[in-house]
PDB file of N, CA and C in Angstrom:
ATOM      1  N   MET A   1     -76.854  26.592  -7.261  1.00  0.00           N
ATOM      2  CA  MET A   1     -77.063  25.187  -7.090  1.00  0.00           C
ATOM      3  C   MET A   1     -75.757  24.423  -6.947  1.00  0.00           C
ATOM      4  N   SER A   2     -74.747  24.964  -7.473  1.00  0.00           N
ATOM      5  CA  SER A   2     -73.469  24.305  -7.324  1.00  0.00           C
ATOM      6  C   SER A   2     -73.038  24.251  -5.870  1.00  0.00           C
ATOM      7  N   GLU A   3     -73.617  25.101  -5.061  1.00  0.00           N
ATOM      8  CA  GLU A   3     -73.297  25.094  -3.646  1.00  0.00           C
ATOM      9  C   GLU A   3     -73.950  23.926  -2.920  1.00  0.00           C
ATOM     10  N   ASP A   4     -74.993  23.335  -3.473  1.00  0.00           N
ATOM     11  CA  ASP A   4     -75.712  22.239  -2.845  1.00  0.00           C
ATOM     12  C   ASP A   4     -74.997  20.892  -3.011  1.00  0.00           C
ATOM     13  N   LYS A   5     -74.077  20.805  -3.938  1.00  0.00           N
ATOM     14  CA  LYS A   5     -73.385  19.530  -4.159  1.00  0.00           C
ATOM     15  C   LYS A   5     -72.444  19.255  -2.982  1.00  0.00           C
ATOM     16  N   PRO A   6     -72.480  18.006  -2.483  1.00  0.00           N
ATOM     17  CA  PRO A   6     -71.565  17.684  -1.390  1.00  0.00           C
ATOM     18  C   PRO A   6     -70.117  17.640  -1.901  1.00  0.00           C
ATOM     19  N   LYS A   7     -69.215  18.056  -1.040  1.00  0.00           N
ATOM     20  CA  LYS A   7     -67.808  18.064  -1.385  1.00  0.00           C
ATOM     21  C   LYS A   7     -67.254  16.650  -1.178  1.00  0.00           C
ATOM     22  N   ILE A   8     -66.672  16.074  -2.175  1.00  0.00           N
ATOM     23  CA  ILE A   8     -66.114  14.729  -2.089  1.00  0.00           C
ATOM     24  C   ILE A   8     -64.603  14.846  -1.902  1.00  0.00           C
ATOM     25  N   ILE A   9     -64.128  14.213  -0.830  1.00  0.00           N
ATOM     26  CA  ILE A   9     -62.697  14.215  -0.548  1.00  0.00           C
ATOM     27  C   ILE A   9     -62.178  12.804  -0.791  1.00  0.00           C
ATOM     28  N   VAL A  10     -61.216  12.678  -1.642  1.00  0.00           N
ATOM     29  CA  VAL A  10     -60.634  11.384  -1.969  1.00  0.00           C
ATOM     30  C   VAL A  10     -59.292  11.260  -1.243  1.00  0.00           C
ATOM     31  N   ASP A  11     -59.212  10.226  -0.408  1.00  0.00           N
ATOM     32  CA  ASP A  11     -57.971   9.964   0.326  1.00  0.00           C
ATOM     33  C   ASP A  11     -57.147   8.969  -0.489  1.00  0.00           C
ATOM     34  N   SER A  12     -56.253   9.485  -1.271  1.00  0.00           N
ATOM     35  CA  SER A  12     -55.450   8.618  -2.141  1.00  0.00           C
ATOM     36  C   SER A  12     -54.204   8.078  -1.433  1.00  0.00           C
ATOM     37  N   ASP A  13     -53.937   8.539  -0.232  1.00  0.00           N
ATOM     38  CA  ASP A  13     -52.754   8.089   0.501  1.00  0.00           C
ATOM     39  C   ASP A  13     -53.023   6.883   1.391  1.00  0.00           C
ATOM     40  N   TRP A  14     -54.219   6.338   1.404  1.00  0.00           N
ATOM     41  CA  TRP A  14     -54.547   5.246   2.329  1.00  0.00           C
ATOM     42  C   TRP A  14     -53.717   3.995   2.065  1.00  0.00           C
ATOM     43  N   LYS A  15     -53.428   3.720   0.795  1.00  0.00           N
ATOM     44  CA  LYS A  15     -52.618   2.539   0.484  1.00  0.00           C
ATOM     45  C   LYS A  15     -51.195   2.706   1.019  1.00  0.00           C
ATOM     46  N   GLU A  16     -50.652   3.893   0.854  1.00  0.00           N
ATOM     47  CA  GLU A  16     -49.303   4.154   1.347  1.00  0.00           C
ATOM     48  C   GLU A  16     -49.262   4.071   2.869  1.00  0.00           C
ATOM     49  N   GLN A  17     -50.279   4.613   3.529  1.00  0.00           N
ATOM     50  CA  GLN A  17     -50.358   4.547   4.988  1.00  0.00           C
ATOM     51  C   GLN A  17     -50.453   3.098   5.458  1.00  0.00           C
ATOM     52  N   ALA A  18     -51.280   2.312   4.794  1.00  0.00           N
ATOM     53  CA  ALA A  18     -51.445   0.905   5.161  1.00  0.00           C
ATOM     54  C   ALA A  18     -50.127   0.153   4.987  1.00  0.00           C
ATOM     55  N   ALA A  19     -49.411   0.434   3.921  1.00  0.00           N
ATOM     56  CA  ALA A  19     -48.129  -0.225   3.679  1.00  0.00           C
ATOM     57  C   ALA A  19     -47.109   0.154   4.755  1.00  0.00           C
ATOM     58  N   GLN A  20     -47.098   1.425   5.151  1.00  0.00           N
ATOM     59  CA  GLN A  20     -46.172   1.875   6.197  1.00  0.00           C
ATOM     60  C   GLN A  20     -46.496   1.215   7.532  1.00  0.00           C
ATOM     61  N   GLU A  21     -47.775   1.119   7.858  1.00  0.00           N
ATOM     62  CA  GLU A  21     -48.179   0.476   9.112  1.00  0.00           C
ATOM     63  C   GLU A  21     -47.818  -1.007   9.107  1.00  0.00           C
ATOM     64  N   LYS A  22     -48.024  -1.656   7.959  1.00  0.00           N
ATOM     65  CA  LYS A  22     -47.683  -3.073   7.837  1.00  0.00           C
ATOM     66  C   LYS A  22     -46.179  -3.279   8.032  1.00  0.00           C
ATOM     67  N   GLU A  23     -45.379  -2.407   7.430  1.00  0.00           N
ATOM     68  CA  GLU A  23     -43.924  -2.489   7.560  1.00  0.00           C
ATOM     69  C   GLU A  23     -43.489  -2.256   9.007  1.00  0.00           C
ATOM     70  N   LYS A  24     -44.120  -1.301   9.675  1.00  0.00           N
ATOM     71  CA  LYS A  24     -43.797  -0.999  11.071  1.00  0.00           C
ATOM     72  C   LYS A  24     -44.115  -2.193  11.965  1.00  0.00           C
ATOM     73  N   LEU A  25     -45.269  -2.818  11.755  1.00  0.00           N
ATOM     74  CA  LEU A  25     -45.649  -3.989  12.539  1.00  0.00           C
ATOM     75  C   LEU A  25     -44.694  -5.153  12.295  1.00  0.00           C
ATOM     76  N   ALA A  26     -44.272  -5.326  11.057  1.00  0.00           N
ATOM     77  CA  ALA A  26     -43.337  -6.406  10.729  1.00  0.00           C
ATOM     78  C   ALA A  26     -42.004  -6.200  11.442  1.00  0.00           C
ATOM     79  N   LYS A  27     -41.513  -4.961  11.482  1.00  0.00           N
ATOM     80  CA  LYS A  27     -40.250  -4.674  12.165  1.00  0.00           C
ATOM     81  C   LYS A  27     -40.372  -4.907  13.663  1.00  0.00           C
ATOM     82  N   GLU A  28     -41.515  -4.554  14.237  1.00  0.00           N
ATOM     83  CA  GLU A  28     -41.721  -4.732  15.671  1.00  0.00           C
ATOM     84  C   GLU A  28     -41.813  -6.204  16.052  1.00  0.00           C
ATOM     85  N   SER A  29     -42.314  -7.025  15.151  1.00  0.00           N
ATOM     86  CA  SER A  29     -42.486  -8.441  15.465  1.00  0.00           C
ATOM     87  C   SER A  29     -41.239  -9.274  15.168  1.00  0.00           C
ATOM     88  N   GLU A  30     -40.235  -8.690  14.506  1.00  0.00           N
ATOM     89  CA  GLU A  30     -38.994  -9.414  14.219  1.00  0.00           C
ATOM     90  C   GLU A  30     -38.250  -9.691  15.512  1.00  0.00           C
ATOM     91  N   PRO A  31     -37.639 -10.879  15.623  1.00  0.00           N
ATOM     92  CA  PRO A  31     -36.845 -11.155  16.827  1.00  0.00           C
ATOM     93  C   PRO A  31     -35.645 -10.216  16.879  1.00  0.00           C
ATOM     94  N   GLU A  32     -35.286  -9.838  18.079  1.00  0.00           N
ATOM     95  CA  GLU A  32     -34.169  -8.923  18.274  1.00  0.00           C
ATOM     96  C   GLU A  32     -32.859  -9.644  17.980  1.00  0.00           C
ATOM     97  N   GLN A  33     -32.005  -9.033  17.187  1.00  0.00           N
ATOM     98  CA  GLN A  33     -30.702  -9.605  16.871  1.00  0.00           C
ATOM     99  C   GLN A  33     -29.768  -9.383  18.051  1.00  0.00           C
ATOM    100  N   ARG A  34     -29.062 -10.412  18.464  1.00  0.00           N
ATOM    101  CA  ARG A  34     -28.170 -10.319  19.615  1.00  0.00           C
ATOM    102  C   ARG A  34     -26.714 -10.105  19.220  1.00  0.00           C
ATOM    103  N   GLY A  35     -26.459  -9.988  17.962  1.00  0.00           N
ATOM    104  CA  GLY A  35     -25.082  -9.812  17.542  1.00  0.00           C
ATOM    105  C   GLY A  35     -24.279 -11.101  17.586  1.00  0.00           C
ATOM    106  N   LEU A  36     -24.956 -12.241  17.477  1.00  0.00           N
ATOM    107  CA  LEU A  36     -24.255 -13.519  17.476  1.00  0.00           C
ATOM    108  C   LEU A  36     -23.543 -13.700  16.143  1.00  0.00           C
ATOM    109  N   PRO A  37     -22.391 -14.344  16.169  1.00  0.00           N
ATOM    110  CA  PRO A  37     -21.692 -14.583  14.909  1.00  0.00           C
ATOM    111  C   PRO A  37     -22.453 -15.614  14.080  1.00  0.00           C
ATOM    112  N   PRO A  38     -22.190 -15.647  12.792  1.00  0.00           N
ATOM    113  CA  PRO A  38     -22.850 -16.659  11.970  1.00  0.00           C
ATOM    114  C   PRO A  38     -22.441 -18.062  12.425  1.00  0.00           C
ATOM    115  N   ALA A  39     -23.361 -18.983  12.325  1.00  0.00           N
ATOM    116  CA  ALA A  39     -23.074 -20.366  12.727  1.00  0.00           C
ATOM    117  C   ALA A  39     -22.043 -20.956  11.767  1.00  0.00           C
ATOM    118  N   ASP A  40     -21.043 -21.611  12.333  1.00  0.00           N
ATOM    119  CA  ASP A  40     -20.086 -22.326  11.498  1.00  0.00           C
ATOM    120  C   ASP A  40     -19.614 -23.575  12.235  1.00  0.00           C
ATOM    121  N   PHE A  41     -18.972 -24.447  11.523  1.00  0.00           N
ATOM    122  CA  PHE A  41     -18.593 -25.757  12.047  1.00  0.00           C
ATOM    123  C   PHE A  41     -17.603 -25.655  13.200  1.00  0.00           C
ATOM    124  N   ILE A  42     -16.580 -24.825  13.047  1.00  0.00           N
ATOM    125  CA  ILE A  42     -15.551 -24.712  14.086  1.00  0.00           C
ATOM    126  C   ILE A  42     -16.150 -24.174  15.384  1.00  0.00           C
ATOM    127  N   THR A  43     -17.004 -23.172  15.285  1.00  0.00           N
ATOM    128  CA  THR A  43     -17.636 -22.611  16.484  1.00  0.00           C
ATOM    129  C   THR A  43     -18.493 -23.653  17.179  1.00  0.00           C
ATOM    130  N   HIS A  44     -19.214 -24.437  16.397  1.00  0.00           N
ATOM    131  CA  HIS A  44     -20.056 -25.484  16.979  1.00  0.00           C
ATOM    132  C   HIS A  44     -19.196 -26.526  17.708  1.00  0.00           C
ATOM    133  N   CYS A  45     -18.124 -26.956  17.074  1.00  0.00           N
ATOM    134  CA  CYS A  45     -17.241 -27.947  17.703  1.00  0.00           C
ATOM    135  C   CYS A  45     -16.577 -27.377  18.954  1.00  0.00           C
ATOM    136  N   ALA A  46     -16.165 -26.121  18.901  1.00  0.00           N
ATOM    137  CA  ALA A  46     -15.551 -25.488  20.073  1.00  0.00           C
ATOM    138  C   ALA A  46     -16.552 -25.386  21.218  1.00  0.00           C
ATOM    139  N   SER A  47     -17.798 -25.129  20.895  1.00  0.00           N
ATOM    140  CA  SER A  47     -18.845 -25.068  21.919  1.00  0.00           C
ATOM    141  C   SER A  47     -19.033 -26.432  22.580  1.00  0.00           C
ATOM    142  N   LEU A  48     -19.048 -27.479  21.773  1.00  0.00           N
ATOM    143  CA  LEU A  48     -19.159 -28.832  22.323  1.00  0.00           C
ATOM    144  C   LEU A  48     -17.941 -29.164  23.189  1.00  0.00           C
ATOM    145  N   ALA A  49     -16.758 -28.772  22.733  1.00  0.00           N
ATOM    146  CA  ALA A  49     -15.537 -29.039  23.501  1.00  0.00           C
ATOM    147  C   ALA A  49     -15.577 -28.309  24.844  1.00  0.00           C
ATOM    148  N   THR A  50     -16.085 -27.101  24.848  1.00  0.00           N
ATOM    149  CA  THR A  50     -16.215 -26.346  26.099  1.00  0.00           C
ATOM    150  C   THR A  50     -17.145 -27.060  27.062  1.00  0.00           C
ATOM    151  N   GLN A  51     -18.248 -27.584  26.540  1.00  0.00           N
ATOM    152  CA  GLN A  51     -19.174 -28.345  27.388  1.00  0.00           C
ATOM    153  C   GLN A  51     -18.472 -29.560  27.989  1.00  0.00           C
ATOM    154  N   ALA A  52     -17.703 -30.254  27.165  1.00  0.00           N
ATOM    155  CA  ALA A  52     -16.986 -31.433  27.660  1.00  0.00           C
ATOM    156  C   ALA A  52     -16.000 -31.045  28.757  1.00  0.00           C
ATOM    157  N   MET A  53     -15.293 -29.930  28.579  1.00  0.00           N
ATOM    158  CA  MET A  53     -14.331 -29.489  29.597  1.00  0.00           C
ATOM    159  C   MET A  53     -15.034 -29.109  30.897  1.00  0.00           C
ATOM    160  N   ILE A  54     -16.205 -28.528  30.788  1.00  0.00           N
ATOM    161  CA  ILE A  54     -16.987 -28.212  31.995  1.00  0.00           C
ATOM    162  C   ILE A  54     -17.360 -29.504  32.709  1.00  0.00           C
ATOM    163  N   PHE A  55     -17.834 -30.497  31.950  1.00  0.00           N
ATOM    164  CA  PHE A  55     -18.248 -31.769  32.552  1.00  0.00           C
ATOM    165  C   PHE A  55     -17.075 -32.548  33.150  1.00  0.00           C
ATOM    166  N   MET A  56     -15.855 -32.283  32.658  1.00  0.00           N
ATOM    167  CA  MET A  56     -14.681 -32.955  33.222  1.00  0.00           C
ATOM    168  C   MET A  56     -14.051 -32.148  34.347  1.00  0.00           C
ATOM    169  N   GLY A  57     -14.595 -30.982  34.628  1.00  0.00           N
ATOM    170  CA  GLY A  57     -14.059 -30.145  35.696  1.00  0.00           C
ATOM    171  C   GLY A  57     -12.813 -29.371  35.303  1.00  0.00           C
ATOM    172  N   ALA A  58     -12.474 -29.361  34.007  1.00  0.00           N
ATOM    173  CA  ALA A  58     -11.286 -28.643  33.546  1.00  0.00           C
ATOM    174  C   ALA A  58     -11.499 -27.132  33.599  1.00  0.00           C
ATOM    175  N   ILE A  59     -12.733 -26.700  33.432  1.00  0.00           N
ATOM    176  CA  ILE A  59     -13.089 -25.289  33.596  1.00  0.00           C
ATOM    177  C   ILE A  59     -14.372 -25.220  34.411  1.00  0.00           C
ATOM    178  N   ALA A  60     -14.546 -24.115  35.099  1.00  0.00           N
ATOM    179  CA  ALA A  60     -15.729 -23.947  35.948  1.00  0.00           C
ATOM    180  C   ALA A  60     -16.968 -23.702  35.096  1.00  0.00           C
ATOM    181  N   ASN A  61     -18.098 -24.138  35.601  1.00  0.00           N
ATOM    182  CA  ASN A  61     -19.369 -23.852  34.951  1.00  0.00           C
ATOM    183  C   ASN A  61     -19.574 -22.337  34.984  1.00  0.00           C
ATOM    184  N   PRO A  62     -19.764 -21.693  33.827  1.00  0.00           N
ATOM    185  CA  PRO A  62     -19.884 -20.235  33.815  1.00  0.00           C
ATOM    186  C   PRO A  62     -21.135 -19.721  34.540  1.00  0.00           C
ATOM    187  N   LEU A  63     -22.127 -20.569  34.705  1.00  0.00           N
ATOM    188  CA  LEU A  63     -23.347 -20.145  35.398  1.00  0.00           C
ATOM    189  C   LEU A  63     -23.193 -20.183  36.911  1.00  0.00           C
ATOM    190  N   THR A  64     -22.438 -21.161  37.401  1.00  0.00           N
ATOM    191  CA  THR A  64     -22.303 -21.315  38.852  1.00  0.00           C
ATOM    192  C   THR A  64     -20.932 -20.898  39.367  1.00  0.00           C
ATOM    193  N   GLY A  65     -19.947 -20.886  38.472  1.00  0.00           N
ATOM    194  CA  GLY A  65     -18.589 -20.575  38.889  1.00  0.00           C
ATOM    195  C   GLY A  65     -17.902 -21.735  39.590  1.00  0.00           C
ATOM    196  N   GLU A  66     -18.543 -22.890  39.610  1.00  0.00           N
ATOM    197  CA  GLU A  66     -18.011 -24.059  40.311  1.00  0.00           C
ATOM    198  C   GLU A  66     -17.772 -25.206  39.336  1.00  0.00           C
ATOM    199  N   ALA A  67     -17.002 -26.189  39.796  1.00  0.00           N
ATOM    200  CA  ALA A  67     -16.787 -27.400  39.003  1.00  0.00           C
ATOM    201  C   ALA A  67     -18.107 -28.151  38.900  1.00  0.00           C
ATOM    202  N   ASP A  68     -18.393 -28.624  37.713  1.00  0.00           N
ATOM    203  CA  ASP A  68     -19.661 -29.308  37.454  1.00  0.00           C
ATOM    204  C   ASP A  68     -19.334 -30.649  36.798  1.00  0.00           C
ATOM    205  N   ILE A  69     -18.772 -31.564  37.563  1.00  0.00           N
ATOM    206  CA  ILE A  69     -18.233 -32.806  37.010  1.00  0.00           C
ATOM    207  C   ILE A  69     -19.335 -33.827  36.752  1.00  0.00           C
ATOM    208  N   ASP A  70     -19.344 -34.318  35.511  1.00  0.00           N
ATOM    209  CA  ASP A  70     -20.270 -35.365  35.088  1.00  0.00           C
ATOM    210  C   ASP A  70     -19.559 -36.120  33.962  1.00  0.00           C
ATOM    211  N   TYR A  71     -18.814 -37.159  34.340  1.00  0.00           N
ATOM    212  CA  TYR A  71     -17.984 -37.872  33.370  1.00  0.00           C
ATOM    213  C   TYR A  71     -18.806 -38.555  32.279  1.00  0.00           C
ATOM    214  N   GLU A  72     -19.986 -38.993  32.610  1.00  0.00           N
ATOM    215  CA  GLU A  72     -20.836 -39.630  31.595  1.00  0.00           C
ATOM    216  C   GLU A  72     -21.203 -38.626  30.499  1.00  0.00           C
ATOM    217  N   GLN A  73     -21.580 -37.421  30.907  1.00  0.00           N
ATOM    218  CA  GLN A  73     -21.903 -36.375  29.926  1.00  0.00           C
ATOM    219  C   GLN A  73     -20.659 -35.975  29.134  1.00  0.00           C
ATOM    220  N   ALA A  74     -19.528 -35.885  29.825  1.00  0.00           N
ATOM    221  CA  ALA A  74     -18.280 -35.523  29.147  1.00  0.00           C
ATOM    222  C   ALA A  74     -17.953 -36.545  28.064  1.00  0.00           C
ATOM    223  N   ARG A  75     -18.070 -37.813  28.414  1.00  0.00           N
ATOM    224  CA  ARG A  75     -17.779 -38.880  27.451  1.00  0.00           C
ATOM    225  C   ARG A  75     -18.728 -38.800  26.252  1.00  0.00           C
ATOM    226  N   TYR A  76     -19.990 -38.515  26.521  1.00  0.00           N
ATOM    227  CA  TYR A  76     -20.987 -38.400  25.454  1.00  0.00           C
ATOM    228  C   TYR A  76     -20.621 -37.268  24.484  1.00  0.00           C
ATOM    229  N   VAL A  77     -20.212 -36.129  25.025  1.00  0.00           N
ATOM    230  CA  VAL A  77     -19.864 -34.989  24.167  1.00  0.00           C
ATOM    231  C   VAL A  77     -18.609 -35.297  23.348  1.00  0.00           C
ATOM    232  N   VAL A  78     -17.614 -35.927  23.958  1.00  0.00           N
ATOM    233  CA  VAL A  78     -16.401 -36.299  23.222  1.00  0.00           C
ATOM    234  C   VAL A  78     -16.751 -37.310  22.128  1.00  0.00           C
ATOM    235  N   ASP A  79     -17.597 -38.277  22.449  1.00  0.00           N
ATOM    236  CA  ASP A  79     -18.048 -39.249  21.441  1.00  0.00           C
ATOM    237  C   ASP A  79     -18.818 -38.555  20.319  1.00  0.00           C
ATOM    238  N   THR A  80     -19.582 -37.532  20.653  1.00  0.00           N
ATOM    239  CA  THR A  80     -20.320 -36.772  19.637  1.00  0.00           C
ATOM    240  C   THR A  80     -19.349 -36.077  18.688  1.00  0.00           C
ATOM    241  N   LEU A  81     -18.297 -35.486  19.235  1.00  0.00           N
ATOM    242  CA  LEU A  81     -17.285 -34.853  18.380  1.00  0.00           C
ATOM    243  C   LEU A  81     -16.598 -35.887  17.486  1.00  0.00           C
ATOM    244  N   ALA A  82     -16.301 -37.066  18.034  1.00  0.00           N
ATOM    245  CA  ALA A  82     -15.684 -38.133  17.237  1.00  0.00           C
ATOM    246  C   ALA A  82     -16.628 -38.592  16.126  1.00  0.00           C
ATOM    247  N   MET A  83     -17.920 -38.663  16.436  1.00  0.00           N
ATOM    248  CA  MET A  83     -18.908 -39.033  15.422  1.00  0.00           C
ATOM    249  C   MET A  83     -18.962 -37.974  14.323  1.00  0.00           C
ATOM    250  N   LEU A  84     -18.939 -36.692  14.706  1.00  0.00           N
ATOM    251  CA  LEU A  84     -18.932 -35.616  13.708  1.00  0.00           C
ATOM    252  C   LEU A  84     -17.688 -35.704  12.828  1.00  0.00           C
ATOM    253  N   GLN A  85     -16.568 -36.039  13.431  1.00  0.00           N
ATOM    254  CA  GLN A  85     -15.332 -36.186  12.665  1.00  0.00           C
ATOM    255  C   GLN A  85     -15.480 -37.294  11.623  1.00  0.00           C
ATOM    256  N   GLU A  86     -16.032 -38.411  12.036  1.00  0.00           N
ATOM    257  CA  GLU A  86     -16.218 -39.542  11.122  1.00  0.00           C
ATOM    258  C   GLU A  86     -17.222 -39.210  10.017  1.00  0.00           C
ATOM    259  N   LYS A  87     -18.339 -38.613  10.384  1.00  0.00           N
ATOM    260  CA  LYS A  87     -19.413 -38.344   9.418  1.00  0.00           C
ATOM    261  C   LYS A  87     -19.066 -37.228   8.433  1.00  0.00           C
ATOM    262  N   THR A  88     -18.152 -36.340   8.822  1.00  0.00           N
ATOM    263  CA  THR A  88     -17.810 -35.221   7.945  1.00  0.00           C
ATOM    264  C   THR A  88     -16.491 -35.440   7.207  1.00  0.00           C
ATOM    265  N   LYS A  89     -15.905 -36.613   7.369  1.00  0.00           N
ATOM    266  CA  LYS A  89     -14.616 -36.912   6.727  1.00  0.00           C
ATOM    267  C   LYS A  89     -14.724 -36.666   5.218  1.00  0.00           C
ATOM    268  N   GLY A  90     -13.799 -35.879   4.704  1.00  0.00           N
ATOM    269  CA  GLY A  90     -13.786 -35.563   3.277  1.00  0.00           C
ATOM    270  C   GLY A  90     -14.628 -34.352   2.914  1.00  0.00           C
ATOM    271  N   ASN A  91     -15.385 -33.821   3.864  1.00  0.00           N
ATOM    272  CA  ASN A  91     -16.244 -32.670   3.585  1.00  0.00           C
ATOM    273  C   ASN A  91     -15.787 -31.395   4.289  1.00  0.00           C
ATOM    274  N   LEU A  92     -14.716 -31.472   5.056  1.00  0.00           N
ATOM    275  CA  LEU A  92     -14.236 -30.316   5.809  1.00  0.00           C
ATOM    276  C   LEU A  92     -13.042 -29.689   5.111  1.00  0.00           C
ATOM    277  N   ASN A  93     -12.882 -28.378   5.310  1.00  0.00           N
ATOM    278  CA  ASN A  93     -11.656 -27.763   4.800  1.00  0.00           C
ATOM    279  C   ASN A  93     -10.524 -28.082   5.777  1.00  0.00           C
ATOM    280  N   SER A  94      -9.306 -27.731   5.416  1.00  0.00           N
ATOM    281  CA  SER A  94      -8.148 -28.134   6.228  1.00  0.00           C
ATOM    282  C   SER A  94      -8.183 -27.519   7.627  1.00  0.00           C
ATOM    283  N   ASP A  95      -8.656 -26.285   7.761  1.00  0.00           N
ATOM    284  CA  ASP A  95      -8.752 -25.659   9.091  1.00  0.00           C
ATOM    285  C   ASP A  95      -9.756 -26.386   9.972  1.00  0.00           C
ATOM    286  N   GLU A  96     -10.911 -26.707   9.408  1.00  0.00           N
ATOM    287  CA  GLU A  96     -11.944 -27.409  10.178  1.00  0.00           C
ATOM    288  C   GLU A  96     -11.456 -28.788  10.607  1.00  0.00           C
ATOM    289  N   GLU A  97     -10.809 -29.474   9.674  1.00  0.00           N
ATOM    290  CA  GLU A  97     -10.297 -30.818   9.960  1.00  0.00           C
ATOM    291  C   GLU A  97      -9.247 -30.787  11.074  1.00  0.00           C
ATOM    292  N   ALA A  98      -8.310 -29.850  10.972  1.00  0.00           N
ATOM    293  CA  ALA A  98      -7.243 -29.738  11.977  1.00  0.00           C
ATOM    294  C   ALA A  98      -7.807 -29.323  13.333  1.00  0.00           C
ATOM    295  N   THR A  99      -8.736 -28.387  13.332  1.00  0.00           N
ATOM    296  CA  THR A  99      -9.332 -27.933  14.592  1.00  0.00           C
ATOM    297  C   THR A  99     -10.058 -29.066  15.286  1.00  0.00           C
ATOM    298  N   LEU A 100     -10.843 -29.814  14.537  1.00  0.00           N
ATOM    299  CA  LEU A 100     -11.586 -30.924  15.124  1.00  0.00           C
ATOM    300  C   LEU A 100     -10.634 -31.990  15.663  1.00  0.00           C
ATOM    301  N   GLU A 101      -9.596 -32.296  14.912  1.00  0.00           N
ATOM    302  CA  GLU A 101      -8.591 -33.275  15.350  1.00  0.00           C
ATOM    303  C   GLU A 101      -7.922 -32.816  16.648  1.00  0.00           C
ATOM    304  N   ASN A 102      -7.542 -31.537  16.707  1.00  0.00           N
ATOM    305  CA  ASN A 102      -6.895 -30.997  17.909  1.00  0.00           C
ATOM    306  C   ASN A 102      -7.838 -30.983  19.103  1.00  0.00           C
ATOM    307  N   LEU A 103      -9.089 -30.593  18.881  1.00  0.00           N
ATOM    308  CA  LEU A 103     -10.061 -30.569  19.983  1.00  0.00           C
ATOM    309  C   LEU A 103     -10.236 -31.956  20.587  1.00  0.00           C
ATOM    310  N   ILE A 104     -10.406 -32.944  19.733  1.00  0.00           N
ATOM    311  CA  ILE A 104     -10.612 -34.312  20.225  1.00  0.00           C
ATOM    312  C   ILE A 104      -9.370 -34.798  20.965  1.00  0.00           C
ATOM    313  N   GLY A 105      -8.186 -34.523  20.419  1.00  0.00           N
ATOM    314  CA  GLY A 105      -6.944 -34.919  21.086  1.00  0.00           C
ATOM    315  C   GLY A 105      -6.794 -34.269  22.454  1.00  0.00           C
ATOM    316  N   GLU A 106      -7.053 -32.972  22.534  1.00  0.00           N
ATOM    317  CA  GLU A 106      -6.960 -32.261  23.817  1.00  0.00           C
ATOM    318  C   GLU A 106      -7.974 -32.802  24.824  1.00  0.00           C
ATOM    319  N   LEU A 107      -9.184 -33.060  24.355  1.00  0.00           N
ATOM    320  CA  LEU A 107     -10.221 -33.574  25.258  1.00  0.00           C
ATOM    321  C   LEU A 107      -9.854 -34.958  25.792  1.00  0.00           C
ATOM    322  N   LYS A 108      -9.234 -35.772  24.960  1.00  0.00           N
ATOM    323  CA  LYS A 108      -8.807 -37.097  25.428  1.00  0.00           C
ATOM    324  C   LYS A 108      -7.730 -36.976  26.500  1.00  0.00           C
ATOM    325  N   LEU A 109      -6.802 -36.022  26.322  1.00  0.00           N
ATOM    326  CA  LEU A 109      -5.773 -35.791  27.346  1.00  0.00           C
ATOM    327  C   LEU A 109      -6.406 -35.304  28.651  1.00  0.00           C
ATOM    328  N   ILE A 110      -7.339 -34.381  28.542  1.00  0.00           N
ATOM    329  CA  ILE A 110      -8.028 -33.869  29.734  1.00  0.00           C
ATOM    330  C   ILE A 110      -8.803 -34.994  30.407  1.00  0.00           C
ATOM    331  N   TRP A 111      -9.382 -35.876  29.603  1.00  0.00           N
ATOM    332  CA  TRP A 111     -10.143 -37.020  30.133  1.00  0.00           C
ATOM    333  C   TRP A 111      -9.239 -37.914  30.988  1.00  0.00           C
ATOM    334  N   VAL A 112      -8.059 -38.232  30.441  1.00  0.00           N
ATOM    335  CA  VAL A 112      -7.110 -39.085  31.171  1.00  0.00           C
ATOM    336  C   VAL A 112      -6.683 -38.399  32.465  1.00  0.00           C
ATOM    337  N   GLN A 113      -6.363 -37.122  32.391  1.00  0.00           N
ATOM    338  CA  GLN A 113      -5.962 -36.381  33.593  1.00  0.00           C
ATOM    339  C   GLN A 113      -7.097 -36.333  34.614  1.00  0.00           C
ATOM    340  N   ALA A 114      -8.307 -36.134  34.150  1.00  0.00           N
ATOM    341  CA  ALA A 114      -9.459 -36.070  35.058  1.00  0.00           C
ATOM    342  C   ALA A 114      -9.687 -37.418  35.724  1.00  0.00           C
ATOM    343  N   GLN A 115      -9.529 -38.500  34.965  1.00  0.00           N
ATOM    344  CA  GLN A 115      -9.720 -39.832  35.531  1.00  0.00           C
ATOM    345  C   GLN A 115      -8.643 -40.142  36.570  1.00  0.00           C
ATOM    346  N   ARG A 116      -7.418 -39.732  36.294  1.00  0.00           N
ATOM    347  CA  ARG A 116      -6.334 -39.929  37.268  1.00  0.00           C
ATOM    348  C   ARG A 116      -6.603 -39.124  38.529  1.00  0.00           C
ATOM    349  N   GLY A 117      -7.099 -37.909  38.359  1.00  0.00           N
ATOM    350  CA  GLY A 117      -7.421 -37.069  39.508  1.00  0.00           C
ATOM    351  C   GLY A 117      -8.576 -37.619  40.311  1.00  0.00           C
ATOM    352  N   ALA A 118      -9.534 -38.256  39.641  1.00  0.00           N
ATOM    353  CA  ALA A 118     -10.701 -38.823  40.326  1.00  0.00           C
ATOM    354  C   ALA A 118     -10.308 -40.041  41.145  1.00  0.00           C
ATOM    355  N   GLU A 119      -9.272 -40.757  40.689  1.00  0.00           N
ATOM    356  CA  GLU A 119      -8.812 -41.939  41.425  1.00  0.00           C
ATOM    357  C   GLU A 119      -8.071 -41.542  42.691  1.00  0.00           C
ATOM    358  N   GLY A 120      -7.511 -40.354  42.684  1.00  0.00           N
ATOM    359  CA  GLY A 120      -6.770 -39.894  43.853  1.00  0.00           C
ATOM    360  C   GLY A 120      -5.339 -40.374  43.811  1.00  0.00           C
ATOM    361  N   PRO A 121      -4.476 -39.769  44.621  1.00  0.00           N
ATOM    362  CA  PRO A 121      -3.062 -40.148  44.602  1.00  0.00           C
ATOM    363  C   PRO A 121      -2.848 -41.547  45.176  1.00  0.00           C
ATOM    364  N   GLY A 122      -1.920 -42.273  44.558  1.00  0.00           N
ATOM    365  CA  GLY A 122      -1.550 -43.591  45.070  1.00  0.00           C
ATOM    366  C   GLY A 122      -2.527 -44.697  44.755  1.00  0.00           C
ATOM    367  N   LYS A 123      -3.504 -44.467  43.930  1.00  0.00           N
ATOM    368  CA  LYS A 123      -4.463 -45.532  43.601  1.00  0.00           C
ATOM    369  C   LYS A 123      -4.116 -46.170  42.292  1.00  0.00           C
TER     370      LYS A 123
END
């Protein structure tokens, strides 16, 4: 009669399997890391300065390889950097403060040169 009893198989690994599948799905759904550096203040300001230089024609647009002059946009970006300088006064370390000061100074020089170039010689 012991042969008539059904054999019961207990799958005790189902929880572990479910956890592994959940972990695998989570890894697959994570956004791919591009190896970008951590965000920091100096990098952000340098990025804005690069945009301003592109808009002033000081460097070529990296997407087109051509000058992409837009003085209104350039002025806006320089003003944005000046606003950041004012709003962060007293909260920056010495490197950040000096970098921001130098970026704004360089951009103002490029602005003057760009405006002189836009007027043409003898004007």
